[in-house]
Amino acid sequence: MRPRGPLVILFDSAQMTEADARFLRTALGEPDTGRVLALLGHPIRRAVLRRVAQGAVNFGRLMEATGIEDSPKLAFHVGKLVDEGVLAHVDDLYRLTARGRSAVAWLDELDAVAPQGGSGNAVLPQE
């Protein structure tokens, strides 16, 4: 979460279902959680994952889908996802790997436990 400082996640288990509270406790206790949060902590990477989750896509379509006109900026974030094994780049198309499918499922779970009526997901805020 650098350079913003430590990540603090607060939740009131009385305000959510027991299953959602259990999910958060388990997810936050996993050894790889910090690395995954850092990887998914950027809204561009989340946008890329959500677009690739809809089907294989080339770089130009990713630019359109994310609204990013700065190709080096997008290339940096896509490269991080490829380097971490979340995306695969084959025949000029980006596809989710098994790890990428897990990451998208995790994002979906986080969206499902986001505060209702609030500004959105407090775990991965939009910039």
Protein backbone atom coordinates (compact mmCIF):
# COMPACT_ATOMS: atom_id res chain seq x y z
CA MET A 1 0.00 0.00 0.00
CA ARG A 2 3.05 2.24 -0.29
CA PRO A 3 3.36 5.22 -0.36
CA ARG A 4 0.08 5.65 1.47
CA GLY A 5 1.14 3.83 4.61
CA PRO A 6 -0.34 0.78 6.31
CA LEU A 7 -3.63 -0.73 5.24
CA VAL A 8 -6.23 -0.69 7.98
CA ILE A 9 -9.43 -2.64 7.53
CA LEU A 10 -12.19 -2.03 10.02
CA PHE A 11 -15.51 -3.78 9.96
CA ASP A 12 -18.36 -4.19 12.38
CA SER A 13 -19.25 -7.86 12.43
CA ALA A 14 -22.60 -6.95 13.97
CA GLN A 15 -23.47 -5.06 10.78
CA MET A 16 -22.86 -8.01 8.42
CA THR A 17 -23.76 -11.63 8.15
CA GLU A 18 -21.70 -14.13 10.08
CA ALA A 19 -20.58 -15.68 6.77
CA ASP A 20 -19.31 -12.31 5.47
CA ALA A 21 -17.43 -11.61 8.71
CA ARG A 22 -15.90 -15.11 8.58
CA PHE A 23 -14.90 -14.54 4.94
CA LEU A 24 -13.10 -11.28 5.82
CA ARG A 25 -11.30 -12.80 8.80
CA THR A 26 -10.14 -15.77 6.73
CA ALA A 27 -9.13 -13.72 3.70
CA LEU A 28 -7.17 -11.21 5.78
CA GLY A 29 -5.36 -14.00 7.61
CA GLU A 30 -4.05 -15.70 4.48
CA PRO A 31 -0.25 -15.42 4.02
CA ASP A 32 -0.58 -14.13 0.44
CA THR A 33 -3.22 -11.50 1.26
CA GLY A 34 -0.80 -8.57 1.54
CA ARG A 35 0.74 -9.35 -1.83
CA VAL A 36 -2.66 -9.81 -3.47
CA LEU A 37 -3.99 -6.58 -1.95
CA ALA A 38 -0.95 -4.69 -3.21
CA LEU A 39 -1.42 -6.19 -6.66
CA LEU A 40 -5.15 -5.47 -6.76
CA GLY A 41 -4.89 -2.20 -4.88
CA HIS A 42 -4.74 -0.13 -8.05
CA PRO A 43 -8.02 0.62 -9.87
CA ILE A 44 -6.38 0.22 -13.30
CA ARG A 45 -5.38 -3.36 -12.48
CA ARG A 46 -8.86 -4.13 -11.22
CA ALA A 47 -10.37 -2.66 -14.40
CA VAL A 48 -8.03 -4.77 -16.52
CA LEU A 49 -8.93 -7.93 -14.61
CA ARG A 50 -12.63 -7.26 -14.87
CA ARG A 51 -12.36 -6.71 -18.64
CA VAL A 52 -10.21 -9.80 -19.22
CA ALA A 53 -12.67 -11.80 -17.11
CA GLN A 54 -15.23 -11.15 -19.87
CA GLY A 55 -12.98 -12.87 -22.42
CA ALA A 56 -9.56 -12.77 -24.06
CA VAL A 57 -8.63 -9.30 -25.25
CA ASN A 58 -5.78 -7.51 -27.02
CA PHE A 59 -3.96 -4.45 -25.67
CA GLY A 60 -5.93 -1.98 -27.81
CA ARG A 61 -9.25 -3.26 -26.47
CA LEU A 62 -7.88 -3.04 -22.93
CA MET A 63 -7.06 0.62 -23.57
CA GLU A 64 -10.62 1.22 -24.74
CA ALA A 65 -12.20 -0.74 -21.89
CA THR A 66 -10.19 0.98 -19.18
CA GLY A 67 -10.27 4.44 -20.74
CA ILE A 68 -6.49 4.70 -20.39
CA GLU A 69 -4.92 6.63 -23.25
CA ASP A 70 -1.37 6.44 -21.86
CA SER A 71 -0.14 3.12 -23.27
CA PRO A 72 3.07 2.97 -21.16
CA LYS A 73 1.00 3.45 -18.01
CA LEU A 74 -1.39 0.66 -18.97
CA ALA A 75 1.51 -1.54 -20.12
CA PHE A 76 3.13 -1.16 -16.69
CA HIS A 77 0.00 -2.35 -14.87
CA VAL A 78 -0.73 -5.15 -17.33
CA GLY A 79 2.92 -6.22 -17.03
CA LYS A 80 2.58 -6.45 -13.24
CA LEU A 81 -0.46 -8.71 -13.66
CA VAL A 82 1.42 -10.90 -16.14
CA ASP A 83 4.54 -11.01 -13.92
CA GLU A 84 2.43 -12.10 -10.94
CA GLY A 85 0.83 -14.89 -12.98
CA VAL A 86 -2.66 -13.39 -12.92
CA LEU A 87 -2.77 -12.80 -16.68
CA ALA A 88 -1.26 -14.77 -19.53
CA HIS A 89 -0.20 -13.07 -22.76
CA VAL A 90 -0.44 -15.50 -25.69
CA ASP A 91 -0.88 -14.69 -29.39
CA ASP A 92 -1.36 -10.96 -28.63
CA LEU A 93 -4.29 -11.73 -26.34
CA TYR A 94 -4.51 -11.41 -22.58
CA ARG A 95 -6.35 -14.16 -20.71
CA LEU A 96 -6.95 -14.91 -17.06
CA THR A 97 -4.90 -17.68 -15.52
CA ALA A 98 -6.27 -19.88 -12.75
CA ARG A 99 -4.76 -17.39 -10.31
CA GLY A 100 -6.45 -14.57 -12.22
CA ARG A 101 -9.83 -16.28 -11.98
CA SER A 102 -9.29 -16.56 -8.22
CA ALA A 103 -8.39 -12.87 -8.04
CA VAL A 104 -11.56 -11.89 -9.92
CA ALA A 105 -13.64 -14.15 -7.65
CA TRP A 106 -12.00 -12.46 -4.66
CA LEU A 107 -12.86 -9.01 -6.07
CA ASP A 108 -16.45 -10.16 -6.54
CA GLU A 109 -16.57 -11.37 -2.92
CA LEU A 110 -15.21 -8.04 -1.68
CA ASP A 111 -17.81 -6.20 -3.74
CA ALA A 112 -20.52 -8.39 -2.21
CA VAL A 113 -19.54 -7.40 1.35
CA ALA A 114 -19.08 -3.70 0.52
CA PRO A 115 -21.08 -1.34 2.70
CA GLN A 116 -24.59 -0.78 1.39
CA GLY A 117 -25.44 2.83 0.62
CA GLY A 118 -21.85 3.96 1.21
CA SER A 119 -19.16 5.11 -1.15
CA GLY A 120 -18.30 1.57 -2.20
CA ASN A 121 -15.74 -1.01 -1.27
CA ALA A 122 -13.70 0.25 1.65
CA VAL A 123 -11.08 -2.47 1.23
CA LEU A 124 -10.07 -1.41 -2.29
CA PRO A 125 -11.13 2.23 -2.67
CA GLN A 126 -11.49 3.85 -6.08
CA GLU A 127 -9.06 6.60 -6.94
